[in-house]
């Protein structure tokens, strides 16, 4: 009986250890940097390609929002994207990933370019100025990056999709490509007027994705934006747009399609 009891204690202890294990790749590290534009500090997650240490090459860079959800199950909201696990499988088209932790209660404020009458927000330009003027210069010095806009992508979902799209339109000299998953265009309708007055670059690329079981107007808003971009001069090869039947507004949808978006954005690298 005593042996059985000790065995059960051992099993519980072992399972607890397994449960506490990190799901983050060995290629991921973190650091903290001051964000004076936001009057705060930001925790940054960095994924380096597996061959980074053994090569002298420079890499494209992807800036991603909501870093808590990208690499680690324990810090995620409803499951991680598995960005590091996916990238660990690649031997070509490798990139450096810079994950920026969201500001918790300040998330909406940081990831919306315009103030919404009901929900507030509108500090997106300060957030992007932090990336552009503080974080990116640090990354370009600390790591072997290809710093030009054509090799700099910004990627996110929901509000992160909105601010990523806005970043490429508003700051084309810094951000050339965007992964735009389930974008919350509804909260900032001013974004459509901005697109009408924008001038697309030859290296600009957008990958759009949304699920049919998200909000009522999600697919319609995405289709409207794609049409508007094409009317404004963006060519077919610069835009990829997908509507996922049954897709819901969650990490499961975004994680399962991250690889497709990544490959399309970097297929010519």
Protein backbone atom coordinates (compact mmCIF):
# COMPACT_ATOMS: atom_id res chain seq x y z
CA UNK A 1 0.00 0.00 0.00
CA UNK A 2 2.83 2.34 0.92
CA UNK A 3 4.65 1.59 -2.35
CA UNK A 4 1.46 2.30 -4.27
CA UNK A 5 1.11 5.62 -2.47
CA UNK A 6 4.70 6.56 -3.26
CA UNK A 7 4.14 5.59 -6.89
CA UNK A 8 1.12 7.90 -7.13
CA UNK A 9 3.12 10.76 -5.61
CA UNK A 10 5.85 10.17 -8.20
CA UNK A 11 3.34 10.14 -11.08
CA UNK A 12 1.70 13.38 -9.93
CA UNK A 13 5.12 15.00 -9.48
CA UNK A 14 6.22 13.87 -12.94
CA UNK A 15 3.03 15.13 -14.58
CA UNK A 16 3.39 18.48 -12.85
CA UNK A 17 6.91 18.81 -14.25
CA UNK A 18 5.63 18.02 -17.72
CA UNK A 19 2.82 20.50 -17.33
CA UNK A 20 5.25 23.20 -16.29
CA UNK A 21 7.55 22.67 -19.26
CA UNK A 22 7.81 25.55 -21.68
CA UNK A 23 6.61 25.16 -25.26
CA UNK A 24 9.01 27.83 -26.46
CA UNK A 25 11.75 26.90 -28.93
CA UNK A 26 15.39 27.22 -27.90
CA UNK A 27 15.65 29.81 -30.69
CA UNK A 28 13.55 32.30 -28.70
CA UNK A 29 14.95 34.83 -26.24
CA UNK A 30 13.48 37.89 -24.52
CA UNK A 31 14.63 41.35 -23.54
CA UNK A 32 13.10 44.53 -22.13
CA UNK A 33 13.34 47.91 -23.83
CA UNK A 34 12.09 51.37 -22.89
CA UNK A 35 9.23 52.68 -25.01
CA UNK A 36 9.30 56.45 -24.41
CA UNK A 37 6.61 57.06 -27.02
CA UNK A 38 4.24 55.01 -24.84
CA UNK A 39 5.67 56.02 -21.46
CA UNK A 40 6.30 52.38 -20.56
CA UNK A 41 8.70 49.48 -21.10
CA UNK A 42 8.08 46.61 -23.48
CA UNK A 43 9.04 42.95 -23.29
CA UNK A 44 10.28 41.75 -26.66
CA UNK A 45 10.51 38.11 -27.79
CA UNK A 46 13.11 37.34 -30.47
CA UNK A 47 13.16 34.25 -32.69
CA UNK A 48 16.41 33.65 -34.56
CA UNK A 49 16.65 31.09 -37.39
CA UNK A 50 18.31 27.81 -36.42
CA UNK A 51 21.27 28.48 -38.69
CA UNK A 52 21.73 32.09 -37.54
CA UNK A 53 24.78 31.42 -35.34
CA UNK A 54 26.53 29.39 -38.03
CA UNK A 55 26.03 31.82 -40.88
CA UNK A 56 26.97 35.37 -41.81
CA UNK A 57 23.87 36.10 -43.85
CA UNK A 58 21.32 38.79 -43.09
CA UNK A 59 17.63 38.02 -42.68
CA UNK A 60 14.25 39.63 -43.31
CA UNK A 61 12.43 40.66 -40.15
CA UNK A 62 8.80 40.24 -39.11
CA UNK A 63 7.40 42.43 -36.32
CA UNK A 64 4.45 40.72 -34.64
CA UNK A 65 2.04 41.95 -31.99
CA UNK A 66 0.65 40.09 -28.95
CA UNK A 67 3.91 38.23 -28.34
CA UNK A 68 2.34 36.43 -25.37
CA UNK A 69 0.30 34.38 -27.88
CA UNK A 70 3.00 33.58 -30.43
CA UNK A 71 5.50 31.19 -28.85
CA UNK A 72 4.34 29.95 -25.45
CA UNK A 73 1.17 28.16 -24.34
CA UNK A 74 1.48 29.30 -20.71
CA UNK A 75 1.42 32.99 -21.61
CA UNK A 76 -1.18 32.72 -24.38
CA UNK A 77 -4.82 33.73 -24.18
CA UNK A 78 -6.42 30.72 -25.90
CA UNK A 79 -3.46 28.73 -27.19
CA UNK A 80 -0.28 29.81 -28.95
CA UNK A 81 0.31 30.36 -32.64
CA UNK A 82 3.30 27.99 -32.66
CA UNK A 83 5.34 30.46 -34.72
CA UNK A 84 8.64 29.12 -33.41
CA UNK A 85 7.73 25.48 -33.95
CA UNK A 86 6.78 26.22 -37.54
CA UNK A 87 9.92 28.21 -38.28
CA UNK A 88 12.12 25.53 -36.72
CA UNK A 89 11.05 23.24 -39.59
CA UNK A 90 12.28 25.59 -42.32
CA UNK A 91 15.57 25.38 -44.15
CA UNK A 92 14.71 28.12 -46.67
CA UNK A 93 12.89 31.45 -46.49
CA UNK A 94 14.04 31.97 -42.92
CA UNK A 95 13.35 35.17 -41.00
CA UNK A 96 13.94 36.88 -37.68
CA UNK A 97 10.71 37.29 -35.71
CA UNK A 98 10.28 40.17 -33.27
CA UNK A 99 7.30 39.65 -30.97
CA UNK A 100 6.08 42.68 -29.04
CA UNK A 101 4.06 41.99 -25.90
CA UNK A 102 0.74 43.78 -25.83
CA UNK A 103 0.06 46.37 -23.16
CA UNK A 104 -2.75 44.44 -21.40
CA UNK A 105 -5.28 47.17 -20.50
CA UNK A 106 -3.55 49.47 -23.02
CA UNK A 107 -3.79 46.97 -25.87
CA UNK A 108 -6.76 48.64 -27.58
CA UNK A 109 -5.19 52.05 -27.23
CA UNK A 110 -1.88 50.92 -28.74
CA UNK A 111 -3.33 48.94 -31.62
CA UNK A 112 -5.89 51.44 -32.95
CA UNK A 113 -4.75 54.32 -35.18
CA UNK A 114 -7.91 56.37 -34.60
CA UNK A 115 -10.04 57.04 -31.55
CA UNK A 116 -13.37 55.25 -31.60
CA UNK A 117 -16.29 57.26 -30.21
CA UNK A 118 -17.56 54.36 -28.11
CA UNK A 119 -14.45 52.29 -27.34
CA UNK A 120 -11.72 54.93 -27.20
CA UNK A 121 -8.17 54.08 -28.26
CA UNK A 122 -6.28 55.92 -30.96
CA UNK A 123 -2.63 55.77 -29.85
CA UNK A 124 -1.52 53.56 -32.72
CA UNK A 125 0.84 56.10 -34.24
CA UNK A 126 2.77 56.35 -30.97
CA UNK A 127 3.00 52.54 -30.86
CA UNK A 128 4.26 52.35 -34.44
CA UNK A 129 6.68 55.23 -33.82
CA UNK A 130 8.10 53.16 -30.96
CA UNK A 131 8.67 50.28 -33.37
CA UNK A 132 10.00 52.51 -36.15
CA UNK A 133 12.22 54.87 -34.14
CA UNK A 134 13.23 52.86 -31.06
CA UNK A 135 12.78 49.10 -31.43
CA UNK A 136 13.70 48.61 -35.09
CA UNK A 137 16.97 50.61 -34.89
CA UNK A 138 17.95 48.50 -31.89
CA UNK A 139 17.10 45.27 -33.69
CA UNK A 140 18.96 46.32 -36.84
CA UNK A 141 22.12 46.94 -34.79
CA UNK A 142 21.85 43.90 -32.51
CA UNK A 143 21.05 41.36 -35.26
CA UNK A 144 21.90 40.75 -38.90
CA UNK A 145 18.77 42.09 -40.55
CA UNK A 146 17.84 43.34 -43.99
CA UNK A 147 16.59 46.70 -42.71
CA UNK A 148 14.89 48.09 -45.83
CA UNK A 149 11.10 48.23 -46.06
CA UNK A 150 10.92 45.53 -48.72
CA UNK A 151 12.33 43.05 -46.19
CA UNK A 152 10.39 44.30 -43.16
CA UNK A 153 6.99 42.76 -42.46
CA UNK A 154 4.46 43.56 -39.76
CA UNK A 155 1.92 40.89 -38.78
CA UNK A 156 -1.02 40.50 -36.43
CA UNK A 157 -4.61 39.47 -35.86
CA UNK A 158 -7.77 41.31 -34.84
CA UNK A 159 -6.60 44.73 -33.60
CA UNK A 160 -3.12 43.52 -34.51
CA UNK A 161 -4.34 42.97 -38.06
CA UNK A 162 -5.75 46.50 -38.15
CA UNK A 163 -2.55 48.17 -36.94
CA UNK A 164 -0.38 46.02 -39.24
CA UNK A 165 -2.40 47.07 -42.26
CA UNK A 166 -2.29 50.70 -41.16
CA UNK A 167 1.48 50.53 -40.65
CA UNK A 168 2.16 49.59 -44.28
CA UNK A 169 -0.18 52.29 -45.61
CA UNK A 170 1.01 55.05 -43.26
CA UNK A 171 4.72 54.18 -43.04
CA UNK A 172 5.65 52.55 -46.38
CA UNK A 173 9.26 53.61 -45.94
CA UNK A 174 9.55 51.31 -42.93
CA UNK A 175 7.07 48.46 -43.46
CA UNK A 176 6.71 46.80 -46.86
CA UNK A 177 4.53 43.78 -46.12
CA UNK A 178 1.73 42.88 -43.75
CA UNK A 179 0.04 39.73 -42.52
CA UNK A 180 -3.51 40.88 -41.83
CA UNK A 181 -5.57 38.25 -39.97
CA UNK A 182 -9.17 38.98 -38.94
CA UNK A 183 -8.61 42.75 -39.05
CA UNK A 184 -10.83 44.93 -36.85
CA UNK A 185 -11.53 47.49 -39.58
CA UNK A 186 -14.94 48.12 -38.00
CA UNK A 187 -13.49 50.01 -35.05
CA UNK A 188 -11.68 52.54 -37.27
CA UNK A 189 -13.67 53.20 -40.45
CA UNK A 190 -11.33 56.10 -41.20
CA UNK A 191 -8.92 53.48 -42.52
CA UNK A 192 -10.85 53.31 -45.82
CA UNK A 193 -10.36 57.03 -46.45
CA UNK A 194 -6.65 56.67 -45.73
CA UNK A 195 -6.31 53.93 -48.34
CA UNK A 196 -8.03 56.04 -50.99
CA UNK A 197 -5.36 58.73 -50.61
CA UNK A 198 -2.38 56.37 -50.34
CA UNK A 199 0.27 55.58 -52.94
CA UNK A 200 1.19 51.87 -53.08
CA UNK A 201 4.82 50.87 -53.49
CA UNK A 202 6.03 48.21 -55.89
CA UNK A 203 7.20 46.05 -52.95
CA UNK A 204 3.96 46.39 -50.96
CA UNK A 205 2.28 43.06 -50.16
CA UNK A 206 -0.76 42.15 -48.08
CA UNK A 207 -1.92 38.71 -46.98
CA UNK A 208 -5.52 38.86 -45.72
CA UNK A 209 -7.33 36.09 -43.90
CA UNK A 210 -10.64 35.91 -42.04
CA UNK A 211 -13.15 33.24 -41.00
CA UNK A 212 -16.79 33.05 -42.01
CA UNK A 213 -17.84 32.48 -38.38
CA UNK A 214 -16.29 35.66 -37.03
CA UNK A 215 -18.22 38.93 -36.72
CA UNK A 216 -21.12 39.67 -39.05
CA UNK A 217 -19.19 42.02 -41.33
CA UNK A 218 -15.68 40.53 -41.11
CA UNK A 219 -15.61 38.99 -44.60
CA UNK A 220 -17.45 41.91 -46.17
CA UNK A 221 -15.02 44.40 -44.64
CA UNK A 222 -12.04 42.39 -45.85
CA UNK A 223 -13.45 42.13 -49.37
CA UNK A 224 -14.16 45.86 -49.38
CA UNK A 225 -10.57 46.64 -48.43
CA UNK A 226 -9.12 44.32 -51.07
CA UNK A 227 -11.28 45.93 -53.75
CA UNK A 228 -10.28 49.40 -52.59
CA UNK A 229 -6.58 48.54 -52.70
CA UNK A 230 -6.88 47.25 -56.25
CA UNK A 231 -8.82 50.32 -57.33
CA UNK A 232 -5.99 52.39 -55.87
CA UNK A 233 -3.34 50.66 -57.94
CA UNK A 234 -2.24 47.54 -56.07
CA UNK A 235 -1.82 44.63 -58.48
CA UNK A 236 -3.11 41.09 -58.07
CA UNK A 237 0.31 39.63 -57.23
CA UNK A 238 0.61 42.06 -54.30
CA UNK A 239 -2.54 40.84 -52.56
CA UNK A 240 -3.63 37.44 -51.28
CA UNK A 241 -7.02 37.14 -49.61
CA UNK A 242 -8.68 34.11 -48.02
CA UNK A 243 -12.03 33.47 -46.39
CA UNK A 244 -11.91 30.34 -44.23
CA UNK A 245 -15.20 28.48 -44.03
CA UNK A 246 -16.14 27.95 -40.38
CA UNK A 247 -13.14 29.92 -39.14
CA UNK A 248 -13.65 31.63 -35.78
CA UNK A 249 -11.98 34.63 -34.17
CA UNK A 250 -9.30 32.77 -32.23
CA UNK A 251 -5.72 31.52 -32.13
CA UNK A 252 -6.72 28.20 -33.66
CA UNK A 253 -7.64 29.92 -36.92
CA UNK A 254 -4.57 32.13 -36.97
CA UNK A 255 -2.05 29.48 -35.97
CA UNK A 256 -3.29 27.00 -38.55
CA UNK A 257 -2.79 29.49 -41.39
CA UNK A 258 0.34 31.31 -40.26
CA UNK A 259 2.58 29.04 -42.35
CA UNK A 260 0.64 29.69 -45.56
CA UNK A 261 0.76 33.44 -45.02
CA UNK A 262 4.46 33.32 -44.21
CA UNK A 263 5.33 31.34 -47.33
CA UNK A 264 3.33 33.65 -49.58
CA UNK A 265 4.87 36.80 -48.13
CA UNK A 266 8.39 35.40 -48.51
CA UNK A 267 8.10 33.13 -51.51
CA UNK A 268 10.47 35.30 -53.55
CA UNK A 269 13.07 35.82 -50.81
